[in-house]
Every structure is written in structure tokens, then in C-alpha cells.
PDB file of all heavy atoms in Angstrom:
ATOM      1  N   LEU A   1     104.376 -66.853  74.828  1.00  0.00           N
ATOM      2  CA  LEU A   1     103.755 -67.865  73.979  1.00  0.00           C
ATOM      3  C   LEU A   1     102.281 -67.953  74.358  1.00  0.00           C
ATOM      4  O   LEU A   1     101.919 -67.684  75.513  1.00  0.00           O
ATOM      5  CB  LEU A   1     104.402 -69.240  74.162  1.00  0.00           C
ATOM      6  CG  LEU A   1     105.762 -69.510  73.544  1.00  0.00           C
ATOM      7  CD1 LEU A   1     106.269 -70.875  74.002  1.00  0.00           C
ATOM      8  CD2 LEU A   1     105.710 -69.439  72.031  1.00  0.00           C
ATOM      9  N   ARG A   2     101.462 -68.366  73.397  1.00  0.00           N
ATOM     10  CA  ARG A   2     100.069 -68.649  73.708  1.00  0.00           C
ATOM     11  C   ARG A   2      99.756 -70.076  73.280  1.00  0.00           C
ATOM     12  O   ARG A   2      99.879 -70.414  72.103  1.00  0.00           O
ATOM     13  CB  ARG A   2      99.110 -67.688  73.018  1.00  0.00           C
ATOM     14  CG  ARG A   2      97.674 -67.874  73.506  1.00  0.00           C
ATOM     15  CD  ARG A   2      96.699 -66.889  72.928  1.00  0.00           C
ATOM     16  NE  ARG A   2      96.230 -67.260  71.598  1.00  0.00           N
ATOM     17  CZ  ARG A   2      95.057 -66.908  71.098  1.00  0.00           C
ATOM     18  NH1 ARG A   2      94.229 -66.160  71.819  1.00  0.00           N
ATOM     19  NH2 ARG A   2      94.717 -67.270  69.878  1.00  0.00           N
ATOM     20  N   LEU A   3      99.364 -70.874  74.239  1.00  0.00           N
ATOM     21  CA  LEU A   3      98.960 -72.248  73.970  1.00  0.00           C
ATOM     22  C   LEU A   3      97.452 -72.287  73.731  1.00  0.00           C
ATOM     23  O   LEU A   3      96.696 -71.547  74.359  1.00  0.00           O
ATOM     24  CB  LEU A   3      99.313 -73.154  75.140  1.00  0.00           C
ATOM     25  CG  LEU A   3     100.768 -73.154  75.601  1.00  0.00           C
ATOM     26  CD1 LEU A   3     100.957 -74.176  76.730  1.00  0.00           C
ATOM     27  CD2 LEU A   3     101.713 -73.432  74.457  1.00  0.00           C
ATOM     28  N   SER A   4      97.057 -73.174  72.837  1.00  0.00           N
ATOM     29  CA  SER A   4      95.644 -73.396  72.559  1.00  0.00           C
ATOM     30  C   SER A   4      95.327 -74.879  72.706  1.00  0.00           C
ATOM     31  O   SER A   4      96.181 -75.730  72.446  1.00  0.00           O
ATOM     32  CB  SER A   4      95.295 -72.947  71.133  1.00  0.00           C
ATOM     33  OG  SER A   4      95.558 -71.579  70.938  1.00  0.00           O
ATOM     34  N   CYS A   5      94.105 -75.161  73.091  1.00  0.00           N
ATOM     35  CA  CYS A   5      93.642 -76.544  73.208  1.00  0.00           C
ATOM     36  C   CYS A   5      92.217 -76.598  72.692  1.00  0.00           C
ATOM     37  O   CYS A   5      91.321 -75.982  73.275  1.00  0.00           O
ATOM     38  CB  CYS A   5      93.720 -77.001  74.649  1.00  0.00           C
ATOM     39  SG  CYS A   5      92.923 -78.599  74.963  1.00  0.00           S
ATOM     40  N   VAL A   6      92.030 -77.321  71.601  1.00  0.00           N
ATOM     41  CA  VAL A   6      90.707 -77.488  71.023  1.00  0.00           C
ATOM     42  C   VAL A   6      90.125 -78.816  71.487  1.00  0.00           C
ATOM     43  O   VAL A   6      90.765 -79.862  71.338  1.00  0.00           O
ATOM     44  CB  VAL A   6      90.765 -77.437  69.490  1.00  0.00           C
ATOM     45  CG1 VAL A   6      89.371 -77.614  68.909  1.00  0.00           C
ATOM     46  CG2 VAL A   6      91.371 -76.123  69.018  1.00  0.00           C
ATOM     47  N   ALA A   7      88.942 -78.753  72.053  1.00  0.00           N
ATOM     48  CA  ALA A   7      88.297 -79.934  72.617  1.00  0.00           C
ATOM     49  C   ALA A   7      87.123 -80.387  71.756  1.00  0.00           C
ATOM     50  O   ALA A   7      86.460 -79.579  71.104  1.00  0.00           O
ATOM     51  CB  ALA A   7      87.804 -79.625  74.028  1.00  0.00           C
ATOM     52  N   SER A   8      86.873 -81.674  71.767  1.00  0.00           N
ATOM     53  CA  SER A   8      85.717 -82.219  71.071  1.00  0.00           C
ATOM     54  C   SER A   8      85.300 -83.513  71.758  1.00  0.00           C
ATOM     55  O   SER A   8      86.096 -84.155  72.443  1.00  0.00           O
ATOM     56  CB  SER A   8      86.043 -82.477  69.599  1.00  0.00           C
ATOM     57  OG  SER A   8      87.101 -83.396  69.460  1.00  0.00           O
ATOM     58  N   GLY A   9      84.027 -83.874  71.572  1.00  0.00           N
ATOM     59  CA  GLY A   9      83.540 -85.148  72.089  1.00  0.00           C
ATOM     60  C   GLY A   9      82.948 -85.115  73.477  1.00  0.00           C
ATOM     61  O   GLY A   9      82.574 -86.167  74.004  1.00  0.00           O
ATOM     62  N   PHE A  10      82.887 -83.924  74.089  1.00  0.00           N
ATOM     63  CA  PHE A  10      82.241 -83.816  75.395  1.00  0.00           C
ATOM     64  C   PHE A  10      81.690 -82.393  75.522  1.00  0.00           C
ATOM     65  O   PHE A  10      82.084 -81.498  74.776  1.00  0.00           O
ATOM     66  CB  PHE A  10      83.219 -84.144  76.530  1.00  0.00           C
ATOM     67  CG  PHE A  10      84.388 -83.204  76.668  1.00  0.00           C
ATOM     68  CD1 PHE A  10      84.346 -82.138  77.553  1.00  0.00           C
ATOM     69  CD2 PHE A  10      85.536 -83.385  75.911  1.00  0.00           C
ATOM     70  CE1 PHE A  10      85.419 -81.272  77.690  1.00  0.00           C
ATOM     71  CE2 PHE A  10      86.623 -82.526  76.034  1.00  0.00           C
ATOM     72  CZ  PHE A  10      86.558 -81.465  76.925  1.00  0.00           C
ATOM     73  N   PRO A  11      80.777 -82.167  76.483  1.00  0.00           N
ATOM     74  CA  PRO A  11      80.141 -80.851  76.611  1.00  0.00           C
ATOM     75  C   PRO A  11      81.098 -79.817  77.185  1.00  0.00           C
ATOM     76  O   PRO A  11      81.130 -79.572  78.393  1.00  0.00           O
ATOM     77  CB  PRO A  11      78.951 -81.113  77.519  1.00  0.00           C
ATOM     78  CG  PRO A  11      79.316 -82.330  78.280  1.00  0.00           C
ATOM     79  CD  PRO A  11      80.149 -83.168  77.389  1.00  0.00           C
ATOM     80  N   PHE A  12      81.860 -79.199  76.316  1.00  0.00           N
ATOM     81  CA  PHE A  12      82.930 -78.289  76.718  1.00  0.00           C
ATOM     82  C   PHE A  12      82.432 -77.178  77.630  1.00  0.00           C
ATOM     83  O   PHE A  12      83.087 -76.816  78.597  1.00  0.00           O
ATOM     84  CB  PHE A  12      83.576 -77.699  75.463  1.00  0.00           C
ATOM     85  CG  PHE A  12      84.694 -76.740  75.741  1.00  0.00           C
ATOM     86  CD1 PHE A  12      85.977 -77.216  75.999  1.00  0.00           C
ATOM     87  CD2 PHE A  12      84.481 -75.368  75.755  1.00  0.00           C
ATOM     88  CE1 PHE A  12      87.014 -76.344  76.257  1.00  0.00           C
ATOM     89  CE2 PHE A  12      85.513 -74.488  76.005  1.00  0.00           C
ATOM     90  CZ  PHE A  12      86.786 -74.978  76.260  1.00  0.00           C
ATOM     91  N   ARG A  13      81.259 -76.652  77.342  1.00  0.00           N
ATOM     92  CA  ARG A  13      80.774 -75.462  78.044  1.00  0.00           C
ATOM     93  C   ARG A  13      80.714 -75.670  79.558  1.00  0.00           C
ATOM     94  O   ARG A  13      80.930 -74.732  80.315  1.00  0.00           O
ATOM     95  CB  ARG A  13      79.396 -75.084  77.500  1.00  0.00           C
ATOM     96  CG  ARG A  13      78.810 -73.802  78.050  1.00  0.00           C
ATOM     97  CD  ARG A  13      77.475 -73.516  77.386  1.00  0.00           C
ATOM     98  NE  ARG A  13      77.622 -73.351  75.939  1.00  0.00           N
ATOM     99  CZ  ARG A  13      77.920 -72.212  75.355  1.00  0.00           C
ATOM    100  NH1 ARG A  13      78.092 -71.114  76.080  1.00  0.00           N
ATOM    101  NH2 ARG A  13      78.022 -72.142  74.051  1.00  0.00           N
ATOM    102  N   ILE A  14      80.422 -76.888  79.996  1.00  0.00           N
ATOM    103  CA  ILE A  14      80.280 -77.114  81.430  1.00  0.00           C
ATOM    104  C   ILE A  14      81.491 -77.821  82.034  1.00  0.00           C
ATOM    105  O   ILE A  14      81.513 -78.130  83.228  1.00  0.00           O
ATOM    106  CB  ILE A  14      79.007 -77.921  81.750  1.00  0.00           C
ATOM    107  CG1 ILE A  14      79.055 -79.316  81.105  1.00  0.00           C
ATOM    108  CG2 ILE A  14      77.768 -77.160  81.308  1.00  0.00           C
ATOM    109  CD1 ILE A  14      77.897 -80.205  81.538  1.00  0.00           C
ATOM    110  N   ALA A  15      82.489 -78.069  81.217  1.00  0.00           N
ATOM    111  CA  ALA A  15      83.673 -78.780  81.710  1.00  0.00           C
ATOM    112  C   ALA A  15      84.628 -77.829  82.423  1.00  0.00           C
ATOM    113  O   ALA A  15      84.787 -76.668  82.022  1.00  0.00           O
ATOM    114  CB  ALA A  15      84.399 -79.450  80.551  1.00  0.00           C
ATOM    115  N   ALA A  16      85.263 -78.328  83.451  1.00  0.00           N
ATOM    116  CA  ALA A  16      86.381 -77.616  84.062  1.00  0.00           C
ATOM    117  C   ALA A  16      87.622 -77.919  83.247  1.00  0.00           C
ATOM    118  O   ALA A  16      87.926 -79.083  82.988  1.00  0.00           O
ATOM    119  CB  ALA A  16      86.572 -78.064  85.503  1.00  0.00           C
ATOM    120  N   MET A  17      88.324 -76.885  82.837  1.00  0.00           N
ATOM    121  CA  MET A  17      89.507 -77.057  81.996  1.00  0.00           C
ATOM    122  C   MET A  17      90.745 -76.599  82.750  1.00  0.00           C
ATOM    123  O   MET A  17      90.673 -75.751  83.653  1.00  0.00           O
ATOM    124  CB  MET A  17      89.360 -76.252  80.699  1.00  0.00           C
ATOM    125  CG  MET A  17      88.146 -76.630  79.857  1.00  0.00           C
ATOM    126  SD  MET A  17      88.150 -78.353  79.320  1.00  0.00           S
ATOM    127  CE  MET A  17      89.640 -78.391  78.296  1.00  0.00           C
ATOM    128  N   ALA A  18      91.861 -77.157  82.368  1.00  0.00           N
ATOM    129  CA  ALA A  18      93.096 -76.814  83.069  1.00  0.00           C
ATOM    130  C   ALA A  18      94.298 -77.039  82.171  1.00  0.00           C
ATOM    131  O   ALA A  18      94.221 -77.765  81.177  1.00  0.00           O
ATOM    132  CB  ALA A  18      93.243 -77.655  84.338  1.00  0.00           C
ATOM    133  N   TRP A  19      95.370 -76.396  82.533  1.00  0.00           N
ATOM    134  CA  TRP A  19      96.673 -76.652  81.939  1.00  0.00           C
ATOM    135  C   TRP A  19      97.587 -77.222  83.025  1.00  0.00           C
ATOM    136  O   TRP A  19      97.644 -76.673  84.136  1.00  0.00           O
ATOM    137  CB  TRP A  19      97.281 -75.384  81.360  1.00  0.00           C
ATOM    138  CG  TRP A  19      96.642 -74.930  80.092  1.00  0.00           C
ATOM    139  CD1 TRP A  19      95.659 -73.992  79.960  1.00  0.00           C
ATOM    140  CD2 TRP A  19      96.941 -75.402  78.777  1.00  0.00           C
ATOM    141  NE1 TRP A  19      95.318 -73.846  78.642  1.00  0.00           N
ATOM    142  CE2 TRP A  19      96.103 -74.695  77.895  1.00  0.00           C
ATOM    143  CE3 TRP A  19      97.847 -76.323  78.244  1.00  0.00           C
ATOM    144  CZ2 TRP A  19      96.125 -74.899  76.513  1.00  0.00           C
ATOM    145  CZ3 TRP A  19      97.868 -76.529  76.880  1.00  0.00           C
ATOM    146  CH2 TRP A  19      97.009 -75.824  76.024  1.00  0.00           C
ATOM    147  N   TYR A  20      98.278 -78.297  82.677  1.00  0.00           N
ATOM    148  CA  TYR A  20      99.283 -78.902  83.531  1.00  0.00           C
ATOM    149  C   TYR A  20     100.623 -78.827  82.800  1.00  0.00           C
ATOM    150  O   TYR A  20     100.674 -78.609  81.598  1.00  0.00           O
ATOM    151  CB  TYR A  20      98.947 -80.376  83.795  1.00  0.00           C
ATOM    152  CG  TYR A  20      97.849 -80.627  84.786  1.00  0.00           C
ATOM    153  CD1 TYR A  20      96.520 -80.321  84.489  1.00  0.00           C
ATOM    154  CD2 TYR A  20      98.118 -81.214  86.026  1.00  0.00           C
ATOM    155  CE1 TYR A  20      95.508 -80.571  85.396  1.00  0.00           C
ATOM    156  CE2 TYR A  20      97.111 -81.466  86.935  1.00  0.00           C
ATOM    157  CZ  TYR A  20      95.820 -81.147  86.612  1.00  0.00           C
ATOM    158  OH  TYR A  20      94.816 -81.406  87.526  1.00  0.00           O
ATOM    159  N   ARG A  21     101.678 -79.053  83.533  1.00  0.00           N
ATOM    160  CA  ARG A  21     102.986 -79.162  82.891  1.00  0.00           C
ATOM    161  C   ARG A  21     103.838 -80.201  83.609  1.00  0.00           C
ATOM    162  O   ARG A  21     103.654 -80.463  84.806  1.00  0.00           O
ATOM    163  CB  ARG A  21     103.712 -77.817  82.861  1.00  0.00           C
ATOM    164  CG  ARG A  21     104.106 -77.238  84.216  1.00  0.00           C
ATOM    165  CD  ARG A  21     104.681 -75.843  84.030  1.00  0.00           C
ATOM    166  NE  ARG A  21     105.045 -75.222  85.301  1.00  0.00           N
ATOM    167  CZ  ARG A  21     105.428 -73.960  85.438  1.00  0.00           C
ATOM    168  NH1 ARG A  21     105.502 -73.169  84.360  1.00  0.00           N
ATOM    169  NH2 ARG A  21     105.745 -73.475  86.622  1.00  0.00           N
ATOM    170  N   GLN A  22     104.742 -80.762  82.833  1.00  0.00           N
ATOM    171  CA  GLN A  22     105.651 -81.783  83.375  1.00  0.00           C
ATOM    172  C   GLN A  22     107.045 -81.529  82.842  1.00  0.00           C
ATOM    173  O   GLN A  22     107.282 -81.627  81.627  1.00  0.00           O
ATOM    174  CB  GLN A  22     105.169 -83.185  82.990  1.00  0.00           C
ATOM    175  CG  GLN A  22     105.967 -84.294  83.627  1.00  0.00           C
ATOM    176  CD  GLN A  22     105.303 -85.645  83.474  1.00  0.00           C
ATOM    177  OE1 GLN A  22     104.453 -85.851  82.606  1.00  0.00           O
ATOM    178  NE2 GLN A  22     105.664 -86.588  84.331  1.00  0.00           N
ATOM    179  N   ALA A  23     107.942 -81.197  83.744  1.00  0.00           N
ATOM    180  CA  ALA A  23     109.348 -81.020  83.394  1.00  0.00           C
ATOM    181  C   ALA A  23     110.048 -82.367  83.468  1.00  0.00           C
ATOM    182  O   ALA A  23     109.580 -83.284  84.156  1.00  0.00           O
ATOM    183  CB  ALA A  23     109.989 -80.019  84.336  1.00  0.00           C
ATOM    184  N   PRO A  24     111.192 -82.508  82.798  1.00  0.00           N
ATOM    185  CA  PRO A  24     111.915 -83.780  82.810  1.00  0.00           C
ATOM    186  C   PRO A  24     112.239 -84.224  84.232  1.00  0.00           C
ATOM    187  O   PRO A  24     112.754 -83.441  85.041  1.00  0.00           O
ATOM    188  CB  PRO A  24     113.178 -83.457  82.014  1.00  0.00           C
ATOM    189  CG  PRO A  24     112.780 -82.352  81.118  1.00  0.00           C
ATOM    190  CD  PRO A  24     111.812 -81.533  81.890  1.00  0.00           C
ATOM    191  N   GLY A  25     111.900 -85.453  84.549  1.00  0.00           N
ATOM    192  CA  GLY A  25     112.204 -86.007  85.853  1.00  0.00           C
ATOM    193  C   GLY A  25     111.289 -85.567  86.969  1.00  0.00           C
ATOM    194  O   GLY A  25     111.533 -85.897  88.139  1.00  0.00           O
ATOM    195  N   LYS A  26     110.243 -84.823  86.625  1.00  0.00           N
ATOM    196  CA  LYS A  26     109.329 -84.320  87.648  1.00  0.00           C
ATOM    197  C   LYS A  26     107.908 -84.797  87.374  1.00  0.00           C
ATOM    198  O   LYS A  26     107.594 -85.268  86.291  1.00  0.00           O
ATOM    199  CB  LYS A  26     109.376 -82.794  87.698  1.00  0.00           C
ATOM    200  CG  LYS A  26     110.728 -82.244  88.115  1.00  0.00           C
ATOM    201  CD  LYS A  26     110.677 -80.747  88.345  1.00  0.00           C
ATOM    202  CE  LYS A  26     112.003 -80.218  88.845  1.00  0.00           C
ATOM    203  NZ  LYS A  26     111.957 -78.758  89.104  1.00  0.00           N
ATOM    204  N   GLN A  27     107.058 -84.653  88.379  1.00  0.00           N
ATOM    205  CA  GLN A  27     105.686 -85.070  88.206  1.00  0.00           C
ATOM    206  C   GLN A  27     104.910 -84.003  87.441  1.00  0.00           C
ATOM    207  O   GLN A  27     105.355 -82.870  87.307  1.00  0.00           O
ATOM    208  CB  GLN A  27     105.037 -85.307  89.565  1.00  0.00           C
ATOM    209  CG  GLN A  27     104.860 -84.049  90.417  1.00  0.00           C
ATOM    210  CD  GLN A  27     104.221 -84.351  91.762  1.00  0.00           C
ATOM    211  OE1 GLN A  27     104.258 -85.480  92.252  1.00  0.00           O
ATOM    212  NE2 GLN A  27     103.630 -83.352  92.373  1.00  0.00           N
ATOM    213  N   ARG A  28     103.771 -84.394  86.935  1.00  0.00           N
ATOM    214  CA  ARG A  28     102.889 -83.474  86.234  1.00  0.00           C
ATOM    215  C   ARG A  28     102.123 -82.638  87.269  1.00  0.00           C
ATOM    216  O   ARG A  28     101.473 -83.194  88.148  1.00  0.00           O
ATOM    217  CB  ARG A  28     101.922 -84.240  85.340  1.00  0.00           C
ATOM    218  CG  ARG A  28     101.111 -83.375  84.418  1.00  0.00           C
ATOM    219  CD  ARG A  28     100.214 -84.221  83.511  1.00  0.00           C
ATOM    220  NE  ARG A  28     100.980 -85.130  82.666  1.00  0.00           N
ATOM    221  CZ  ARG A  28     100.422 -85.887  81.715  1.00  0.00           C
ATOM    222  NH1 ARG A  28      99.115 -85.808  81.489  1.00  0.00           N
ATOM    223  NH2 ARG A  28     101.175 -86.706  80.996  1.00  0.00           N
ATOM    224  N   ASP A  29     102.201 -81.332  87.151  1.00  0.00           N
ATOM    225  CA  ASP A  29     101.568 -80.440  88.112  1.00  0.00           C
ATOM    226  C   ASP A  29     100.619 -79.464  87.413  1.00  0.00           C
ATOM    227  O   ASP A  29     100.870 -79.053  86.275  1.00  0.00           O
ATOM    228  CB  ASP A  29     102.623 -79.619  88.868  1.00  0.00           C
ATOM    229  CG  ASP A  29     103.439 -80.466  89.824  1.00  0.00           C
ATOM    230  OD1 ASP A  29     102.862 -81.385  90.445  1.00  0.00           O
ATOM    231  OD2 ASP A  29     104.654 -80.202  89.949  1.00  0.00           O
ATOM    232  N   VAL A  30      99.593 -79.073  88.130  1.00  0.00           N
ATOM    233  CA  VAL A  30      98.653 -78.109  87.580  1.00  0.00           C
ATOM    234  C   VAL A  30      99.283 -76.729  87.515  1.00  0.00           C
ATOM    235  O   VAL A  30     100.061 -76.334  88.393  1.00  0.00           O
ATOM    236  CB  VAL A  30      97.347 -78.079  88.414  1.00  0.00           C
ATOM    237  CG1 VAL A  30      97.623 -77.594  89.820  1.00  0.00           C
ATOM    238  CG2 VAL A  30      96.272 -77.275  87.724  1.00  0.00           C
ATOM    239  N   VAL A  31      98.963 -76.007  86.452  1.00  0.00           N
ATOM    240  CA  VAL A  31      99.448 -74.645  86.262  1.00  0.00           C
ATOM    241  C   VAL A  31      98.316 -73.641  86.459  1.00  0.00           C
ATOM    242  O   VAL A  31      98.462 -72.656  87.172  1.00  0.00           O
ATOM    243  CB  VAL A  31     100.045 -74.473  84.858  1.00  0.00           C
ATOM    244  CG1 VAL A  31     100.442 -73.020  84.604  1.00  0.00           C
ATOM    245  CG2 VAL A  31     101.236 -75.398  84.657  1.00  0.00           C
ATOM    246  N   ALA A  32      97.190 -73.920  85.808  1.00  0.00           N
ATOM    247  CA  ALA A  32      96.053 -72.995  85.868  1.00  0.00           C
ATOM    248  C   ALA A  32      94.774 -73.763  85.567  1.00  0.00           C
ATOM    249  O   ALA A  32      94.805 -74.737  84.805  1.00  0.00           O
ATOM    250  CB  ALA A  32      96.227 -71.854  84.875  1.00  0.00           C
ATOM    251  N   THR A  33      93.677 -73.309  86.172  1.00  0.00           N
ATOM    252  CA  THR A  33      92.379 -73.930  85.938  1.00  0.00           C
ATOM    253  C   THR A  33      91.336 -72.863  85.630  1.00  0.00           C
ATOM    254  O   THR A  33      91.458 -71.710  86.072  1.00  0.00           O
ATOM    255  CB  THR A  33      91.915 -74.735  87.157  1.00  0.00           C
ATOM    256  OG1 THR A  33      91.676 -73.847  88.251  1.00  0.00           O
ATOM    257  CG2 THR A  33      92.945 -75.771  87.568  1.00  0.00           C
TER     258      THR A  33
END
């Protein structure tokens, strides 16, 4: 699968971006930055 995230309202070019995930009953954890 390929996930996409379109951002607006802040200076995207200099922002650090990341993907997190949260499984049922678990905390939200970082996947990739």
C-alpha cells in the first residue's frame, strides 16, 4: 500500500514529517520520519 498525506497551512518544506501508527489497545508509535 502507499499512504499519502497532503499538508496545508504551515511551511511544509522545512517541517519534519512522520508517520505514526496505533493498533487497537496500544499506544501510538512512530513508524518513520
